[in-house]
Amino acid sequence: MSRAVEVAGLTKRFGAILALDNLSFGIEEGRIYGLIGPNGAGKTTTLRIISTLILPTLGSARVFGRDVVHEASEVRKLITYLPEEAGAYKNLSGYEYLQFMGRFNSQNGAELKQMVEDAAKISGLGNRLKDRVKGYSKGMKRRLLVARALMNKPKLAILDEPTSGLDVLHAYHVREIIKQYAKGHKVTVLLSSHNMLEVEQLCDQVALINRGKIIVEGAPSELKSKYKAANLEEVFVEVAGLA
């Protein structure tokens, strides 16, 4: 199976702060891959480099063979990025927001119409898409934003804390949206989360990251078996030396 993402020796400094420390990992095409760790571990920095938003200090990252620094414009055609703090225009309806965003990636009216129809199905918001976004709950907004991120059928979807701050029900819906869309359209997903129990249910492969380094990587079931742990939180405590 070919690699969708290949990261080698990725290092990032912000002044005296070492945010990433020689990070290396690969993602096979069609997989859901999770970067898991506490706040400040380096997850968002990694996603922003792969999304071509910031430059690495050292090392390289490639998306379907394209270098994120030297071929950034080509990488941007293959990906979509949903930051944790993303928002939608509150005075537009859900449909109007999807139409507005869809125009950036559609070639004609027919393609835009299909894109919006797909996004409406992905969101699962039904008739609430006719309402203004300012009347949405946080969970509804997140479902709208995830639909926007997936509606142009990216080869790689990069999602930063996609369920952050959501209640149990909305978090479940967002996880199901990601899982079903990725499997149904063979989209590769790279996501970050500090919620290890949640990601355990969603990801094919995970990398536990702490202080800018990957401390262990593998399938959730394999890691739990290897460390005789009931869940990934216990694995993290064990390998991070926090036990």
Protein backbone atom coordinates (compact mmCIF):
# COMPACT_ATOMS: atom_id res chain seq x y z
CA MET A 1 0.00 0.00 0.00
CA SER A 2 1.37 3.46 -0.92
CA ARG A 3 2.07 6.17 1.61
CA ALA A 4 -0.22 9.19 1.76
CA VAL A 5 2.04 11.03 4.21
CA GLU A 6 5.74 10.61 4.90
CA VAL A 7 7.32 12.65 7.68
CA ALA A 8 11.08 12.40 8.34
CA GLY A 9 13.10 14.11 11.05
CA LEU A 10 10.59 16.93 11.46
CA THR A 11 11.84 19.58 13.87
CA LYS A 12 10.27 22.93 14.68
CA ARG A 13 11.59 25.68 16.92
CA PHE A 14 9.74 28.78 18.03
CA GLY A 15 12.60 30.80 19.45
CA ALA A 16 13.91 28.87 22.44
CA ILE A 17 10.94 26.49 22.42
CA LEU A 18 11.44 23.12 20.74
CA ALA A 19 7.92 22.26 19.57
CA LEU A 20 8.87 19.22 17.46
CA ASP A 21 11.92 17.08 18.06
CA ASN A 22 12.97 14.89 15.12
CA LEU A 23 9.47 13.57 14.41
CA SER A 24 9.10 10.72 11.88
CA PHE A 25 6.04 8.70 10.84
CA GLY A 26 4.15 7.50 7.77
CA ILE A 27 0.48 7.08 6.91
CA GLU A 28 -0.75 4.48 4.45
CA GLU A 29 -3.32 5.60 1.93
CA GLY A 30 -6.93 5.16 3.04
CA ARG A 31 -6.14 4.98 6.76
CA ILE A 32 -7.41 7.09 9.66
CA TYR A 33 -4.31 8.10 11.61
CA GLY A 34 -4.40 9.84 14.96
CA LEU A 35 -1.79 11.98 16.66
CA ILE A 36 -2.64 11.71 20.34
CA GLY A 37 -1.18 13.51 23.30
CA PRO A 38 -1.68 16.23 25.91
CA ASN A 39 -2.05 19.90 25.10
CA GLY A 40 1.27 21.38 23.99
CA ALA A 41 2.65 18.03 22.80
CA GLY A 42 3.21 19.26 19.23
CA LYS A 43 0.12 17.87 17.50
CA THR A 44 -1.16 21.12 16.01
CA THR A 45 2.33 22.20 14.94
CA THR A 46 2.70 18.93 13.02
CA LEU A 47 -0.65 19.37 11.29
CA ARG A 48 0.12 22.96 10.32
CA ILE A 49 3.43 21.98 8.75
CA ILE A 50 1.81 19.18 6.74
CA SER A 51 -0.94 21.64 5.73
CA THR A 52 1.76 24.03 4.37
CA LEU A 53 0.78 26.77 6.85
CA ILE A 54 4.14 26.95 8.64
CA LEU A 55 7.66 25.88 7.70
CA PRO A 56 9.69 23.27 9.53
CA THR A 57 13.03 24.19 11.04
CA LEU A 58 14.52 20.87 9.94
CA GLY A 59 13.30 17.67 8.31
CA SER A 60 10.72 17.03 5.62
CA ALA A 61 7.10 16.11 5.06
CA ARG A 62 5.57 14.78 1.86
CA VAL A 63 1.92 14.35 0.90
CA PHE A 64 1.39 11.77 -1.85
CA GLY A 65 4.99 12.36 -2.86
CA ARG A 66 4.81 16.17 -2.89
CA ASP A 67 7.09 18.10 -0.58
CA VAL A 68 5.12 20.47 1.68
CA VAL A 69 7.76 23.19 1.42
CA HIS A 70 8.91 23.06 -2.19
CA GLU A 71 5.62 21.90 -3.72
CA ALA A 72 3.19 23.63 -1.37
CA SER A 73 0.75 24.71 -4.11
CA GLU A 74 0.45 21.10 -5.31
CA VAL A 75 -0.04 19.81 -1.78
CA ARG A 76 -2.89 22.29 -1.21
CA LYS A 77 -4.78 20.78 -4.13
CA LEU A 78 -4.76 17.39 -2.39
CA ILE A 79 -5.71 18.32 1.15
CA THR A 80 -8.26 20.02 3.31
CA TYR A 81 -7.47 21.38 6.77
CA LEU A 82 -9.90 21.99 9.61
CA PRO A 83 -8.30 23.84 12.53
CA GLU A 84 -9.61 23.42 16.05
CA GLU A 85 -10.63 27.07 16.27
CA ALA A 86 -12.40 27.20 12.88
CA GLY A 87 -15.69 29.06 12.66
CA ALA A 88 -18.46 29.69 10.14
CA TYR A 89 -20.09 32.95 9.09
CA LYS A 90 -22.83 33.33 11.66
CA ASN A 91 -25.23 35.42 9.57
CA LEU A 92 -25.33 32.89 6.71
CA SER A 93 -27.55 29.86 6.73
CA GLY A 94 -25.85 26.48 6.73
CA TYR A 95 -26.65 26.07 3.03
CA GLU A 96 -25.35 29.53 2.18
CA TYR A 97 -22.12 28.84 4.05
CA LEU A 98 -21.57 25.57 2.17
CA GLN A 99 -22.32 27.28 -1.16
CA PHE A 100 -19.90 30.10 -0.37
CA MET A 101 -17.10 27.74 0.59
CA GLY A 102 -17.84 25.36 -2.29
CA ARG A 103 -17.21 28.07 -4.87
CA PHE A 104 -13.50 27.98 -4.02
CA ASN A 105 -13.20 24.39 -5.20
CA SER A 106 -15.91 23.89 -7.83
CA GLN A 107 -15.45 24.43 -11.56
CA ASN A 108 -19.06 25.09 -12.50
CA GLY A 109 -22.60 25.36 -11.14
CA ALA A 110 -23.38 21.66 -11.49
CA GLU A 111 -20.26 20.68 -9.57
CA LEU A 112 -21.05 23.22 -6.85
CA LYS A 113 -24.62 21.92 -6.52
CA GLN A 114 -23.39 18.34 -6.13
CA MET A 115 -20.76 19.41 -3.63
CA VAL A 116 -23.34 21.18 -1.46
CA GLU A 117 -25.71 18.22 -1.67
CA ASP A 118 -22.91 15.91 -0.56
CA ALA A 119 -22.03 18.23 2.31
CA ALA A 120 -25.66 18.37 3.42
CA LYS A 121 -25.72 14.57 3.65
CA ILE A 122 -22.39 14.45 5.44
CA SER A 123 -23.51 16.99 8.07
CA GLY A 124 -26.75 15.21 8.87
CA LEU A 125 -28.28 18.56 9.83
CA GLY A 126 -31.33 18.21 7.60
CA ASN A 127 -33.66 21.22 7.59
CA ARG A 128 -31.49 23.05 10.12
CA LEU A 129 -29.22 23.92 7.19
CA LYS A 130 -31.85 26.52 6.26
CA ASP A 131 -31.27 28.30 9.58
CA ARG A 132 -28.59 30.88 10.29
CA VAL A 133 -25.39 29.53 11.74
CA LYS A 134 -25.63 31.89 14.72
CA GLY A 135 -28.50 29.77 15.99
CA TYR A 136 -26.49 26.53 15.90
CA SER A 137 -25.12 24.74 18.92
CA LYS A 138 -21.37 24.12 19.06
CA GLY A 139 -21.94 20.53 17.97
CA MET A 140 -24.03 21.57 14.97
CA LYS A 141 -21.36 24.07 13.90
CA ARG A 142 -18.70 21.40 14.13
CA ARG A 143 -20.74 19.00 12.01
CA LEU A 144 -21.17 21.77 9.42
CA LEU A 145 -17.44 22.48 9.41
CA VAL A 146 -16.49 18.82 9.08
CA ALA A 147 -18.91 18.55 6.14
CA ARG A 148 -17.27 21.61 4.57
CA ALA A 149 -13.85 20.03 5.02
CA LEU A 150 -14.91 16.78 3.33
CA MET A 151 -17.25 17.99 0.60
CA ASN A 152 -14.53 18.55 -2.02
CA LYS A 153 -13.36 14.92 -1.61
CA PRO A 154 -9.76 15.65 -0.58
CA LYS A 155 -7.17 12.92 -0.86
CA LEU A 156 -6.03 13.84 2.63
CA ALA A 157 -8.27 15.39 5.30
CA ILE A 158 -6.36 17.01 8.16
CA LEU A 159 -8.56 17.58 11.21
CA ASP A 160 -7.30 19.27 14.37
CA GLU A 161 -9.26 18.19 17.47
CA PRO A 162 -12.46 17.58 15.44
CA THR A 163 -14.63 16.87 18.52
CA SER A 164 -13.05 19.31 20.97
CA GLY A 165 -15.57 20.69 23.45
CA LEU A 166 -18.51 18.66 22.16
CA ASP A 167 -20.96 16.73 24.28
CA VAL A 168 -21.14 12.95 24.01
CA LEU A 169 -23.89 12.89 21.37
CA HIS A 170 -22.35 15.43 19.00
CA ALA A 171 -18.88 13.92 19.44
CA TYR A 172 -20.34 10.56 18.44
CA HIS A 173 -21.95 12.07 15.32
CA VAL A 174 -18.71 13.76 14.26
CA ARG A 175 -16.74 10.53 14.76
CA GLU A 176 -19.26 8.61 12.66
CA ILE A 177 -19.15 11.26 9.93
CA ILE A 178 -15.35 10.95 9.71
CA LYS A 179 -15.32 7.16 9.89
CA GLN A 180 -18.06 6.57 7.31
CA TYR A 181 -16.79 9.18 4.86
CA ALA A 182 -13.20 7.97 5.06
CA LYS A 183 -14.16 4.35 4.45
CA GLY A 184 -16.78 5.12 1.82
CA HIS A 185 -14.59 7.42 -0.27
CA LYS A 186 -11.16 5.95 0.51
CA VAL A 187 -10.01 9.27 1.93
CA THR A 188 -6.93 9.34 4.14
CA VAL A 189 -7.50 11.16 7.43
CA LEU A 190 -4.88 12.65 9.74
CA LEU A 191 -6.38 13.95 12.96
CA SER A 192 -5.19 15.13 16.33
CA SER A 193 -6.81 14.69 19.72
CA HIS A 194 -6.04 14.74 23.41
CA ASN A 195 -8.99 12.37 23.95
CA MET A 196 -7.30 9.00 23.77
CA LEU A 197 -10.38 6.95 24.58
CA GLU A 198 -12.28 8.54 21.71
CA VAL A 199 -9.52 8.13 19.13
CA GLU A 200 -9.18 4.48 20.11
CA GLN A 201 -12.62 3.92 18.55
CA LEU A 202 -11.89 5.90 15.41
CA CYS A 203 -8.31 5.40 14.20
CA ASP A 204 -6.66 2.51 12.36
CA GLN A 205 -3.25 3.69 13.54
CA VAL A 206 -2.15 6.09 16.27
CA ALA A 207 1.01 7.83 17.36
CA LEU A 208 1.27 8.94 20.98
CA ILE A 209 3.20 12.20 21.06
CA ASN A 210 4.70 13.99 24.05
CA ARG A 211 7.03 16.99 24.20
CA GLY A 212 7.44 16.99 20.43
CA LYS A 213 8.41 13.33 20.16
CA ILE A 214 6.51 10.20 19.16
CA ILE A 215 6.87 7.84 22.09
CA VAL A 216 4.95 4.90 20.64
CA GLU A 217 3.06 4.11 17.42
CA GLY A 218 0.76 1.33 16.25
CA ALA A 219 -2.80 0.06 15.96
CA PRO A 220 -4.82 0.70 19.14
CA SER A 221 -5.47 -3.00 19.70
CA GLU A 222 -1.78 -3.85 19.24
CA LEU A 223 -0.65 -1.18 21.70
CA LYS A 224 -3.16 -2.25 24.34
CA SER A 225 -2.04 -5.85 23.95
CA LYS A 226 1.67 -5.00 24.03
CA TYR A 227 1.42 -2.95 27.23
CA LYS A 228 -1.34 -5.08 28.80
CA ALA A 229 -3.50 -1.97 29.06
CA ALA A 230 -7.27 -1.56 29.11
CA ASN A 231 -7.12 1.59 26.94
CA LEU A 232 -4.74 4.05 25.26
CA GLU A 233 -4.67 6.34 28.29
CA GLU A 234 -3.02 3.54 30.25
CA VAL A 235 -0.59 2.94 27.37
CA PHE A 236 0.37 6.62 27.37
CA VAL A 237 0.93 6.70 31.13
CA GLU A 238 3.11 3.61 30.86
CA VAL A 239 5.31 4.70 27.94
CA ALA A 240 5.58 8.34 29.07
CA GLY A 241 6.98 7.17 32.38
CA LEU A 242 4.15 8.70 34.34
CA ALA A 243 3.05 5.54 36.11
